[in-house]
Amino acid sequence: MKADITIDCVGLYCPVPIIKTAEQVQKMANGQILEVIADDEGITSDMPNWCQMTGHEFLGIEKADMEYHTFVKKIVK
């Protein structure tokens, strides 16, 4: 999946990837896609939950080796 912005959270553990996601999403334009790369398996449940709570669209997860690539679309209502 093609993202507009990518942040690297490899080596960071819960809740830091979600905190960094929230900070980055605030800076993005409506409709832009953020890719978050992490190696903490917790992101596979944390990111969909965060999107549900905040109203942003969770686009999915791709696993590559020991990394998880999660994709979030910023939605402003």
Protein backbone atom coordinates (compact mmCIF):
# COMPACT_ATOMS: atom_id res chain seq x y z
CA MET A 1 0.00 0.00 0.00
CA LYS A 2 1.28 3.48 -0.80
CA ALA A 3 1.46 5.92 2.08
CA ASP A 4 1.89 9.70 2.03
CA ILE A 5 3.97 9.63 5.23
CA THR A 6 5.86 6.84 7.00
CA ILE A 7 7.05 6.78 10.59
CA ASP A 8 9.47 4.22 11.97
CA CYS A 9 8.58 2.91 15.42
CA VAL A 10 10.82 -0.17 15.33
CA GLY A 11 12.23 -0.79 18.80
CA LEU A 12 9.46 1.21 20.48
CA TYR A 13 6.83 -0.49 22.58
CA CYS A 14 3.28 0.26 23.67
CA PRO A 15 2.09 2.95 23.95
CA VAL A 16 4.82 4.88 22.10
CA PRO A 17 3.85 3.87 18.51
CA ILE A 18 0.28 5.04 19.15
CA ILE A 19 1.48 8.30 20.70
CA LYS A 20 3.71 8.95 17.69
CA THR A 21 0.81 8.06 15.36
CA ALA A 22 -1.48 10.56 17.10
CA GLU A 23 1.17 13.30 16.89
CA GLN A 24 1.77 12.68 13.17
CA VAL A 25 -1.92 12.42 12.24
CA GLN A 26 -2.53 15.87 13.77
CA LYS A 27 -0.05 17.34 11.26
CA MET A 28 -1.55 15.59 8.22
CA ALA A 29 -4.20 16.74 5.77
CA ASN A 30 -7.59 15.03 5.61
CA GLY A 31 -7.42 11.90 3.46
CA GLN A 32 -3.66 11.39 3.70
CA ILE A 33 -2.39 7.91 4.53
CA LEU A 34 0.12 7.20 7.29
CA GLU A 35 2.26 4.07 7.43
CA VAL A 36 3.55 3.08 10.86
CA ILE A 37 6.33 0.48 10.95
CA ALA A 38 6.72 -1.35 14.25
CA ASP A 39 8.12 -4.60 15.57
CA ASP A 40 5.87 -4.77 18.65
CA GLU A 41 3.08 -7.26 17.89
CA GLY A 42 0.80 -5.22 20.13
CA ILE A 43 0.33 -2.77 17.28
CA THR A 44 -1.85 -5.34 15.51
CA SER A 45 -4.61 -4.71 18.05
CA ASP A 46 -3.64 -1.24 19.29
CA MET A 47 -3.86 0.48 15.89
CA PRO A 48 -7.34 -0.77 14.92
CA ASN A 49 -8.59 0.12 18.41
CA TRP A 50 -7.06 3.60 18.23
CA CYS A 51 -8.64 4.20 14.83
CA GLN A 52 -12.03 3.10 16.11
CA MET A 53 -11.75 5.46 19.09
CA THR A 54 -10.56 8.45 17.05
CA GLY A 55 -12.62 8.03 13.88
CA HIS A 56 -9.68 7.59 11.51
CA GLU A 57 -9.85 4.77 8.98
CA PHE A 58 -7.76 1.66 9.65
CA LEU A 59 -6.64 0.39 6.24
CA GLY A 60 -4.84 -2.77 7.31
CA ILE A 61 -1.59 -4.43 8.30
CA GLU A 62 1.14 -5.96 6.20
CA LYS A 63 3.73 -8.17 7.91
CA ALA A 64 7.25 -8.21 6.50
CA ASP A 65 9.78 -10.37 8.35
CA MET A 66 9.52 -9.25 11.97
CA GLU A 67 7.95 -5.86 11.22
CA TYR A 68 4.33 -4.80 11.04
CA HIS A 69 3.35 -2.09 8.56
CA THR A 70 0.05 -0.54 9.62
CA PHE A 71 -1.87 1.95 7.50
CA VAL A 72 -4.19 4.70 8.72
CA LYS A 73 -6.18 7.21 6.67
CA LYS A 74 -6.81 10.54 8.37
CA ILE A 75 -10.52 11.32 8.48
CA VAL A 76 -11.80 14.69 9.62
CA LYS A 77 -15.54 14.87 10.18
